[in-house]
Amino acid sequence: MPIYFFDTSALVYRYASDRPSRRVRRVTSDARCEVYIANITVVEMAGALAKVCRSKGHDTKKFESMDTAFLKDIANGRLSVRDITQSDMQRARHLLRYAGVVKKRALGASDALLSVCCLELALEKKGVPVIFYTEDWTLYSTLREINGFRAALELRCLAASRGGVPSTTRRGK
């Protein structure tokens, strides 16, 4: 069974009912799958869930319900949290340089950190498919242009395809 790694923009759909929620819940609920997040996602989820509450007019009770469900998923091992290492930070700096200067893309620091954290997981798992989920088109389209990410990961974007670019890549392709 493949391993899944979710960034915050995709994982939020496990707890909030929106368009891609069913697909995210199916993957993250399957006991046969390993599901990972980066430790930075623990902090980012509070902001993502607050944004959902603002956009839908939910109160703090709804926020607490979603946040508690998220924390329970970590506590019961449904979500495994990977620490970002010093090596990941160096790789993220290189990714930000490449994305920002060479590709002229506004990639965020936390997106770069969790992306390289996922890449390191794939390299550790040696041959086991690792599928990276995001809803961030800038992140997805940047990673899909980098051979190292395409070779090690299958990339999936929950956002609609753009400009004829598919929202999924196959590992090694």
N, C-alpha and C. Protein backbone atom coordinates (compact mmCIF):
# COMPACT_ATOMS: atom_id res chain seq x y z
N MET A 1 0.84 -1.18 0.00
CA MET A 1 0.00 0.00 0.00
C MET A 1 0.89 1.25 0.00
N PRO A 2 0.51 2.27 -0.73
CA PRO A 2 1.34 3.47 -0.79
C PRO A 2 1.32 4.25 0.53
N ILE A 3 2.26 5.15 0.61
CA ILE A 3 2.36 6.07 1.74
C ILE A 3 1.89 7.43 1.23
N TYR A 4 1.13 8.13 2.05
CA TYR A 4 0.62 9.44 1.67
C TYR A 4 1.23 10.50 2.58
N PHE A 5 1.50 11.64 1.97
CA PHE A 5 2.01 12.80 2.71
C PHE A 5 1.12 13.97 2.30
N PHE A 6 0.53 14.62 3.29
CA PHE A 6 -0.39 15.73 3.02
C PHE A 6 0.20 17.05 3.48
N ASP A 7 0.07 18.06 2.62
CA ASP A 7 0.36 19.40 3.10
C ASP A 7 -0.93 19.94 3.71
N THR A 8 -0.84 21.05 4.38
CA THR A 8 -1.97 21.60 5.13
C THR A 8 -3.15 21.94 4.22
N SER A 9 -2.86 22.47 3.04
CA SER A 9 -3.94 22.88 2.13
C SER A 9 -4.82 21.71 1.71
N ALA A 10 -4.26 20.52 1.67
CA ALA A 10 -5.04 19.32 1.31
C ALA A 10 -5.62 18.65 2.54
N LEU A 11 -4.86 18.60 3.62
CA LEU A 11 -5.32 17.90 4.82
C LEU A 11 -6.53 18.55 5.46
N VAL A 12 -6.66 19.85 5.32
CA VAL A 12 -7.79 20.55 5.94
C VAL A 12 -9.13 19.96 5.50
N TYR A 13 -9.17 19.34 4.32
CA TYR A 13 -10.42 18.76 3.82
C TYR A 13 -10.84 17.50 4.57
N ARG A 14 -9.98 16.93 5.36
CA ARG A 14 -10.38 15.82 6.23
C ARG A 14 -11.36 16.31 7.29
N TYR A 15 -11.23 17.55 7.69
CA TYR A 15 -11.99 18.10 8.81
C TYR A 15 -13.06 19.10 8.38
N ALA A 16 -12.98 19.62 7.18
CA ALA A 16 -13.95 20.59 6.68
C ALA A 16 -14.65 20.02 5.46
N SER A 17 -15.92 20.21 5.38
CA SER A 17 -16.70 19.68 4.25
C SER A 17 -16.66 20.65 3.08
N ASP A 18 -15.89 20.29 2.09
CA ASP A 18 -15.80 21.05 0.85
C ASP A 18 -15.63 20.06 -0.29
N ARG A 19 -15.46 20.55 -1.48
CA ARG A 19 -15.40 19.75 -2.69
C ARG A 19 -14.53 18.49 -2.58
N PRO A 20 -13.27 18.58 -2.23
CA PRO A 20 -12.43 17.36 -2.23
C PRO A 20 -12.47 16.55 -0.93
N SER A 21 -13.37 16.88 -0.02
CA SER A 21 -13.37 16.22 1.30
C SER A 21 -13.50 14.71 1.21
N ARG A 22 -14.36 14.22 0.36
CA ARG A 22 -14.60 12.78 0.27
C ARG A 22 -13.32 12.02 -0.09
N ARG A 23 -12.59 12.51 -1.09
CA ARG A 23 -11.36 11.85 -1.52
C ARG A 23 -10.32 11.87 -0.40
N VAL A 24 -10.15 13.01 0.26
CA VAL A 24 -9.17 13.12 1.34
C VAL A 24 -9.56 12.22 2.50
N ARG A 25 -10.82 12.21 2.86
CA ARG A 25 -11.26 11.35 3.97
C ARG A 25 -11.07 9.87 3.64
N ARG A 26 -11.34 9.50 2.40
CA ARG A 26 -11.17 8.09 2.00
C ARG A 26 -9.71 7.66 2.17
N VAL A 27 -8.80 8.46 1.70
CA VAL A 27 -7.38 8.12 1.79
C VAL A 27 -6.91 8.14 3.24
N THR A 28 -7.26 9.19 3.97
CA THR A 28 -6.74 9.33 5.34
C THR A 28 -7.43 8.40 6.33
N SER A 29 -8.54 7.80 5.95
CA SER A 29 -9.24 6.87 6.85
C SER A 29 -8.88 5.41 6.60
N ASP A 30 -8.24 5.14 5.49
CA ASP A 30 -7.90 3.76 5.13
C ASP A 30 -6.79 3.25 6.05
N ALA A 31 -7.11 2.29 6.89
CA ALA A 31 -6.16 1.76 7.88
C ALA A 31 -4.97 1.07 7.22
N ARG A 32 -5.09 0.71 5.94
CA ARG A 32 -3.98 0.06 5.24
C ARG A 32 -2.93 1.06 4.78
N CYS A 33 -3.26 2.34 4.83
CA CYS A 33 -2.35 3.39 4.36
C CYS A 33 -1.62 4.03 5.53
N GLU A 34 -0.38 4.42 5.27
CA GLU A 34 0.37 5.26 6.20
C GLU A 34 0.17 6.69 5.73
N VAL A 35 -0.17 7.58 6.65
CA VAL A 35 -0.40 8.98 6.30
C VAL A 35 0.52 9.85 7.15
N TYR A 36 1.30 10.70 6.48
CA TYR A 36 2.27 11.56 7.15
C TYR A 36 1.97 13.03 6.92
N ILE A 37 2.40 13.81 7.90
CA ILE A 37 2.41 15.27 7.78
C ILE A 37 3.74 15.73 8.37
N ALA A 38 4.12 16.97 8.07
CA ALA A 38 5.31 17.56 8.69
C ALA A 38 4.90 18.24 9.98
N ASN A 39 5.84 18.38 10.90
CA ASN A 39 5.49 19.00 12.18
C ASN A 39 5.00 20.43 12.02
N ILE A 40 5.42 21.13 10.99
CA ILE A 40 4.93 22.49 10.77
C ILE A 40 3.42 22.51 10.48
N THR A 41 2.91 21.40 9.97
CA THR A 41 1.48 21.30 9.67
C THR A 41 0.64 21.37 10.94
N VAL A 42 1.18 20.92 12.05
CA VAL A 42 0.44 20.99 13.32
C VAL A 42 0.09 22.44 13.64
N VAL A 43 1.01 23.35 13.39
CA VAL A 43 0.76 24.78 13.63
C VAL A 43 -0.11 25.35 12.52
N GLU A 44 0.21 25.02 11.28
CA GLU A 44 -0.55 25.57 10.15
C GLU A 44 -2.03 25.18 10.17
N MET A 45 -2.34 24.00 10.70
CA MET A 45 -3.74 23.56 10.71
C MET A 45 -4.63 24.50 11.52
N ALA A 46 -4.11 25.07 12.60
CA ALA A 46 -4.91 26.02 13.37
C ALA A 46 -5.34 27.19 12.49
N GLY A 47 -4.42 27.70 11.69
CA GLY A 47 -4.75 28.80 10.78
C GLY A 47 -5.69 28.36 9.68
N ALA A 48 -5.49 27.16 9.14
CA ALA A 48 -6.35 26.66 8.06
C ALA A 48 -7.77 26.42 8.57
N LEU A 49 -7.90 25.85 9.76
CA LEU A 49 -9.23 25.61 10.32
C LEU A 49 -9.92 26.92 10.69
N ALA A 50 -9.16 27.89 11.17
CA ALA A 50 -9.73 29.21 11.46
C ALA A 50 -10.23 29.87 10.17
N LYS A 51 -9.49 29.70 9.09
CA LYS A 51 -9.92 30.25 7.79
C LYS A 51 -11.22 29.60 7.33
N VAL A 52 -11.35 28.30 7.52
CA VAL A 52 -12.60 27.60 7.18
C VAL A 52 -13.74 28.19 8.01
N CYS A 53 -13.51 28.38 9.29
CA CYS A 53 -14.56 28.93 10.17
C CYS A 53 -14.96 30.34 9.75
N ARG A 54 -13.99 31.18 9.40
CA ARG A 54 -14.30 32.54 8.94
C ARG A 54 -15.12 32.51 7.66
N SER A 55 -14.71 31.67 6.71
CA SER A 55 -15.37 31.66 5.41
C SER A 55 -16.78 31.08 5.47
N LYS A 56 -17.04 30.21 6.43
CA LYS A 56 -18.35 29.56 6.52
C LYS A 56 -19.20 30.09 7.67
N GLY A 57 -18.67 31.06 8.40
CA GLY A 57 -19.42 31.65 9.51
C GLY A 57 -19.55 30.73 10.72
N HIS A 58 -18.61 29.79 10.87
CA HIS A 58 -18.64 28.89 12.03
C HIS A 58 -18.12 29.61 13.28
N ASP A 59 -18.54 29.12 14.42
CA ASP A 59 -18.09 29.69 15.69
C ASP A 59 -16.91 28.90 16.25
N THR A 60 -16.47 29.29 17.45
CA THR A 60 -15.32 28.63 18.07
C THR A 60 -15.63 27.18 18.42
N LYS A 61 -16.89 26.87 18.67
CA LYS A 61 -17.24 25.48 18.98
C LYS A 61 -16.93 24.57 17.79
N LYS A 62 -17.25 25.02 16.58
CA LYS A 62 -16.95 24.25 15.37
C LYS A 62 -15.43 24.14 15.18
N PHE A 63 -14.72 25.26 15.42
CA PHE A 63 -13.27 25.21 15.32
C PHE A 63 -12.71 24.17 16.28
N GLU A 64 -13.14 24.22 17.52
CA GLU A 64 -12.64 23.27 18.53
C GLU A 64 -12.94 21.83 18.14
N SER A 65 -14.09 21.60 17.55
CA SER A 65 -14.46 20.25 17.11
C SER A 65 -13.51 19.74 16.03
N MET A 66 -13.25 20.58 15.02
CA MET A 66 -12.34 20.19 13.94
C MET A 66 -10.91 20.03 14.45
N ASP A 67 -10.47 20.97 15.29
CA ASP A 67 -9.11 20.92 15.82
C ASP A 67 -8.91 19.70 16.72
N THR A 68 -9.91 19.37 17.53
CA THR A 68 -9.83 18.19 18.39
C THR A 68 -9.74 16.92 17.54
N ALA A 69 -10.52 16.85 16.47
CA ALA A 69 -10.47 15.69 15.58
C ALA A 69 -9.07 15.54 14.97
N PHE A 70 -8.49 16.66 14.57
CA PHE A 70 -7.12 16.66 14.02
C PHE A 70 -6.12 16.14 15.05
N LEU A 71 -6.17 16.69 16.25
CA LEU A 71 -5.23 16.27 17.29
C LEU A 71 -5.43 14.81 17.69
N LYS A 72 -6.67 14.33 17.67
CA LYS A 72 -6.93 12.91 17.95
C LYS A 72 -6.33 12.02 16.87
N ASP A 73 -6.38 12.47 15.61
CA ASP A 73 -5.77 11.71 14.53
C ASP A 73 -4.27 11.55 14.73
N ILE A 74 -3.64 12.57 15.29
CA ILE A 74 -2.21 12.48 15.60
C ILE A 74 -2.01 11.54 16.78
N ALA A 75 -2.80 11.73 17.82
CA ALA A 75 -2.63 10.94 19.06
C ALA A 75 -2.85 9.45 18.81
N ASN A 76 -3.82 9.11 17.95
CA ASN A 76 -4.10 7.68 17.72
C ASN A 76 -3.28 7.09 16.57
N GLY A 77 -2.37 7.88 16.01
CA GLY A 77 -1.47 7.36 14.99
C GLY A 77 -2.04 7.35 13.58
N ARG A 78 -3.23 7.88 13.38
CA ARG A 78 -3.79 7.96 12.03
C ARG A 78 -2.92 8.86 11.17
N LEU A 79 -2.39 9.93 11.78
CA LEU A 79 -1.44 10.82 11.12
C LEU A 79 -0.11 10.70 11.84
N SER A 80 0.93 10.41 11.09
CA SER A 80 2.28 10.37 11.65
C SER A 80 2.96 11.70 11.36
N VAL A 81 3.55 12.28 12.38
CA VAL A 81 4.19 13.59 12.25
C VAL A 81 5.69 13.41 12.09
N ARG A 82 6.22 13.96 11.00
CA ARG A 82 7.67 13.92 10.75
C ARG A 82 8.29 15.25 11.14
N ASP A 83 9.41 15.16 11.83
CA ASP A 83 10.14 16.36 12.20
C ASP A 83 10.92 16.88 11.00
N ILE A 84 10.97 18.18 10.90
CA ILE A 84 11.78 18.83 9.88
C ILE A 84 13.20 18.92 10.43
N THR A 85 14.16 18.44 9.66
CA THR A 85 15.55 18.37 10.12
C THR A 85 16.35 19.57 9.61
N GLN A 86 17.56 19.70 10.11
CA GLN A 86 18.48 20.74 9.62
C GLN A 86 18.75 20.55 8.13
N SER A 87 18.90 19.30 7.72
CA SER A 87 19.11 19.00 6.30
C SER A 87 17.91 19.45 5.47
N ASP A 88 16.71 19.21 5.99
CA ASP A 88 15.49 19.67 5.30
C ASP A 88 15.50 21.19 5.15
N MET A 89 15.96 21.88 6.19
CA MET A 89 15.99 23.35 6.12
C MET A 89 16.94 23.83 5.04
N GLN A 90 18.09 23.17 4.90
CA GLN A 90 19.03 23.55 3.84
C GLN A 90 18.43 23.27 2.47
N ARG A 91 17.83 22.11 2.31
CA ARG A 91 17.19 21.79 1.03
C ARG A 91 16.06 22.77 0.72
N ALA A 92 15.30 23.15 1.74
CA ALA A 92 14.20 24.10 1.54
C ALA A 92 14.75 25.45 1.07
N ARG A 93 15.87 25.87 1.62
CA ARG A 93 16.49 27.12 1.17
C ARG A 93 16.86 27.05 -0.31
N HIS A 94 17.40 25.92 -0.74
CA HIS A 94 17.75 25.74 -2.16
C HIS A 94 16.49 25.72 -3.03
N LEU A 95 15.44 25.06 -2.53
CA LEU A 95 14.18 25.02 -3.28
C LEU A 95 13.59 26.43 -3.41
N LEU A 96 13.64 27.22 -2.34
CA LEU A 96 13.12 28.59 -2.40
C LEU A 96 13.91 29.45 -3.37
N ARG A 97 15.22 29.26 -3.40
CA ARG A 97 16.06 29.98 -4.35
C ARG A 97 15.68 29.62 -5.78
N TYR A 98 15.57 28.32 -6.03
CA TYR A 98 15.21 27.86 -7.37
C TYR A 98 13.83 28.36 -7.77
N ALA A 99 12.85 28.15 -6.90
CA ALA A 99 11.48 28.54 -7.22
C ALA A 99 11.34 30.05 -7.38
N GLY A 100 11.94 30.79 -6.45
CA GLY A 100 11.76 32.25 -6.44
C GLY A 100 12.58 32.99 -7.48
N VAL A 101 13.81 32.55 -7.69
CA VAL A 101 14.70 33.29 -8.58
C VAL A 101 14.68 32.71 -9.99
N VAL A 102 14.90 31.41 -10.09
CA VAL A 102 14.98 30.78 -11.42
C VAL A 102 13.59 30.68 -12.06
N LYS A 103 12.61 30.17 -11.30
CA LYS A 103 11.27 29.95 -11.86
C LYS A 103 10.32 31.12 -11.66
N LYS A 104 10.72 32.11 -10.87
CA LYS A 104 9.90 33.32 -10.62
C LYS A 104 8.53 32.96 -10.01
N ARG A 105 8.56 32.03 -9.06
CA ARG A 105 7.32 31.60 -8.39
C ARG A 105 7.38 31.98 -6.92
N ALA A 106 6.25 32.37 -6.39
CA ALA A 106 6.15 32.78 -4.99
C ALA A 106 5.84 31.57 -4.11
N LEU A 107 6.82 30.73 -3.92
CA LEU A 107 6.68 29.55 -3.07
C LEU A 107 6.93 29.98 -1.63
N GLY A 108 6.08 29.54 -0.71
CA GLY A 108 6.22 29.89 0.69
C GLY A 108 7.26 29.03 1.39
N ALA A 109 7.82 29.56 2.46
CA ALA A 109 8.85 28.84 3.21
C ALA A 109 8.30 27.55 3.81
N SER A 110 7.10 27.59 4.37
CA SER A 110 6.56 26.36 4.97
C SER A 110 6.26 25.32 3.89
N ASP A 111 5.83 25.75 2.72
CA ASP A 111 5.60 24.81 1.62
C ASP A 111 6.91 24.13 1.21
N ALA A 112 7.97 24.91 1.16
CA ALA A 112 9.27 24.35 0.81
C ALA A 112 9.73 23.35 1.88
N LEU A 113 9.55 23.71 3.14
CA LEU A 113 9.95 22.82 4.23
C LEU A 113 9.22 21.50 4.19
N LEU A 114 7.91 21.54 4.07
CA LEU A 114 7.18 20.26 4.10
C LEU A 114 7.40 19.46 2.83
N SER A 115 7.69 20.12 1.73
CA SER A 115 7.99 19.40 0.48
C SER A 115 9.28 18.60 0.59
N VAL A 116 10.32 19.22 1.12
CA VAL A 116 11.58 18.50 1.25
C VAL A 116 11.49 17.44 2.35
N CYS A 117 10.66 17.67 3.35
CA CYS A 117 10.41 16.66 4.39
C CYS A 117 9.77 15.43 3.75
N CYS A 118 8.83 15.65 2.85
CA CYS A 118 8.18 14.55 2.13
C CYS A 118 9.18 13.84 1.22
N LEU A 119 10.00 14.60 0.53
CA LEU A 119 11.02 14.00 -0.34
C LEU A 119 11.96 13.10 0.46
N GLU A 120 12.37 13.55 1.62
CA GLU A 120 13.25 12.75 2.47
C GLU A 120 12.56 11.45 2.90
N LEU A 121 11.28 11.52 3.20
CA LEU A 121 10.51 10.32 3.54
C LEU A 121 10.55 9.33 2.37
N ALA A 122 10.33 9.82 1.17
CA ALA A 122 10.34 8.96 -0.02
C ALA A 122 11.71 8.31 -0.21
N LEU A 123 12.75 9.08 0.02
CA LEU A 123 14.10 8.53 -0.12
C LEU A 123 14.39 7.46 0.94
N GLU A 124 13.87 7.66 2.14
CA GLU A 124 14.03 6.66 3.21
C GLU A 124 13.27 5.37 2.91
N LYS A 125 12.11 5.49 2.29
CA LYS A 125 11.25 4.33 2.05
C LYS A 125 11.69 3.49 0.86
N LYS A 126 12.64 3.96 0.07
CA LYS A 126 13.27 3.21 -1.01
C LYS A 126 12.32 2.31 -1.80
N GLY A 127 11.64 2.88 -2.74
CA GLY A 127 10.82 2.08 -3.64
C GLY A 127 9.35 1.98 -3.28
N VAL A 128 8.99 2.27 -2.04
CA VAL A 128 7.58 2.27 -1.67
C VAL A 128 6.99 3.58 -2.21
N PRO A 129 5.89 3.50 -2.95
CA PRO A 129 5.32 4.74 -3.50
C PRO A 129 4.91 5.72 -2.41
N VAL A 130 5.35 6.96 -2.55
CA VAL A 130 4.93 8.04 -1.66
C VAL A 130 4.16 9.04 -2.51
N ILE A 131 2.95 9.31 -2.09
CA ILE A 131 2.06 10.21 -2.82
C ILE A 131 1.90 11.49 -2.02
N PHE A 132 2.26 12.61 -2.63
CA PHE A 132 2.20 13.91 -1.99
C PHE A 132 0.94 14.64 -2.45
N TYR A 133 0.08 14.99 -1.50
CA TYR A 133 -1.16 15.72 -1.79
C TYR A 133 -1.02 17.18 -1.39
N THR A 134 -1.47 18.06 -2.27
CA THR A 134 -1.56 19.49 -1.99
C THR A 134 -2.77 20.06 -2.73
N GLU A 135 -3.20 21.23 -2.33
CA GLU A 135 -4.19 21.96 -3.12
C GLU A 135 -3.56 23.21 -3.71
N ASP A 136 -2.33 23.45 -3.39
CA ASP A 136 -1.60 24.65 -3.80
C ASP A 136 -1.00 24.44 -5.19
N TRP A 137 -1.59 25.08 -6.19
CA TRP A 137 -1.13 24.90 -7.57
C TRP A 137 0.31 25.39 -7.77
N THR A 138 0.68 26.48 -7.12
CA THR A 138 2.05 26.98 -7.25
C THR A 138 3.04 25.94 -6.75
N LEU A 139 2.77 25.36 -5.60
CA LEU A 139 3.64 24.32 -5.05
C LEU A 139 3.67 23.11 -5.98
N TYR A 140 2.50 22.63 -6.37
CA TYR A 140 2.41 21.46 -7.24
C TYR A 140 3.17 21.67 -8.56
N SER A 141 2.89 22.79 -9.22
CA SER A 141 3.51 23.01 -10.54
C SER A 141 5.02 23.23 -10.43
N THR A 142 5.47 23.77 -9.32
CA THR A 142 6.91 23.93 -9.11
C THR A 142 7.57 22.57 -8.91
N LEU A 143 7.01 21.75 -8.02
CA LEU A 143 7.61 20.44 -7.73
C LEU A 143 7.60 19.53 -8.95
N ARG A 144 6.54 19.61 -9.75
CA ARG A 144 6.45 18.71 -10.90
C ARG A 144 7.51 19.03 -11.96
N GLU A 145 8.11 20.20 -11.89
CA GLU A 145 9.17 20.57 -12.83
C GLU A 145 10.57 20.20 -12.33
N ILE A 146 10.66 19.65 -11.13
CA ILE A 146 11.96 19.30 -10.55
C ILE A 146 12.13 17.79 -10.61
N ASN A 147 13.14 17.35 -11.35
CA ASN A 147 13.36 15.92 -11.56
C ASN A 147 13.41 15.13 -10.26
N GLY A 148 14.07 15.64 -9.24
CA GLY A 148 14.21 14.91 -7.98
C GLY A 148 12.87 14.63 -7.32
N PHE A 149 11.96 15.57 -7.38
CA PHE A 149 10.63 15.36 -6.81
C PHE A 149 9.81 14.41 -7.67
N ARG A 150 9.87 14.60 -8.98
CA ARG A 150 9.12 13.71 -9.88
C ARG A 150 9.62 12.28 -9.82
N ALA A 151 10.91 12.11 -9.65
CA ALA A 151 11.48 10.76 -9.60
C ALA A 151 11.10 10.02 -8.32
N ALA A 152 10.99 10.74 -7.22
CA ALA A 152 10.77 10.09 -5.92
C ALA A 152 9.31 10.07 -5.48
N LEU A 153 8.50 10.96 -6.01
CA LEU A 153 7.13 11.13 -5.51
C LEU A 153 6.10 11.06 -6.64
N GLU A 154 4.90 10.67 -6.27
CA GLU A 154 3.74 10.90 -7.12
C GLU A 154 3.09 12.15 -6.56
N LEU A 155 2.87 13.13 -7.40
CA LEU A 155 2.32 14.41 -6.96
C LEU A 155 0.85 14.49 -7.35
N ARG A 156 0.02 14.91 -6.41
CA ARG A 156 -1.42 15.08 -6.68
C ARG A 156 -1.88 16.43 -6.15
N CYS A 157 -2.54 17.16 -7.02
CA CYS A 157 -3.07 18.47 -6.65
C CYS A 157 -4.59 18.39 -6.66
N LEU A 158 -5.21 18.84 -5.59
CA LEU A 158 -6.67 18.83 -5.49
C LEU A 158 -7.30 19.96 -6.30
N ALA A 159 -6.52 20.97 -6.64
CA ALA A 159 -7.03 22.06 -7.47
C ALA A 159 -7.20 21.56 -8.90
N ALA A 160 -8.05 22.22 -9.65
CA ALA A 160 -8.30 21.85 -11.04
C ALA A 160 -7.05 22.04 -11.89
N SER A 161 -6.91 21.20 -12.90
CA SER A 161 -5.79 21.33 -13.84
C SER A 161 -5.82 22.71 -14.48
N ARG A 162 -4.64 23.18 -14.85
CA ARG A 162 -4.54 24.51 -15.46
C ARG A 162 -3.67 24.43 -16.70
N GLY A 163 -4.06 25.16 -17.71
CA GLY A 163 -3.24 25.29 -18.91
C GLY A 163 -2.82 23.98 -19.53
N GLY A 164 -3.67 22.97 -19.43
CA GLY A 164 -3.34 21.68 -20.01
C GLY A 164 -2.39 20.84 -19.15
N VAL A 165 -1.99 21.36 -18.00
CA VAL A 165 -1.10 20.62 -17.09
C VAL A 165 -1.98 19.73 -16.21
N PRO A 166 -1.76 18.43 -16.25
CA PRO A 166 -2.58 17.53 -15.41
C PRO A 166 -2.30 17.76 -13.93
N SER A 167 -3.29 17.45 -13.08
CA SER A 167 -3.13 17.68 -11.64
C SER A 167 -2.58 16.45 -10.92
N THR A 168 -2.01 15.51 -11.68
CA THR A 168 -1.37 14.32 -11.10
C THR A 168 -0.14 13.98 -11.91
N THR A 169 0.91 13.55 -11.24
CA THR A 169 2.08 13.00 -11.92
C THR A 169 2.29 11.58 -11.44
N ARG A 170 2.96 10.79 -12.23
CA ARG A 170 3.35 9.46 -11.80
C ARG A 170 4.80 9.50 -11.40
N ARG A 171 5.14 8.73 -10.39
CA ARG A 171 6.51 8.71 -9.91
C ARG A 171 7.43 8.26 -11.04
N GLY A 172 8.52 9.00 -11.21
CA GLY A 172 9.50 8.66 -12.22
C GLY A 172 9.16 9.17 -13.60
N LYS A 173 8.03 9.83 -13.76
CA LYS A 173 7.62 10.32 -15.08
C LYS A 173 7.66 11.82 -15.15
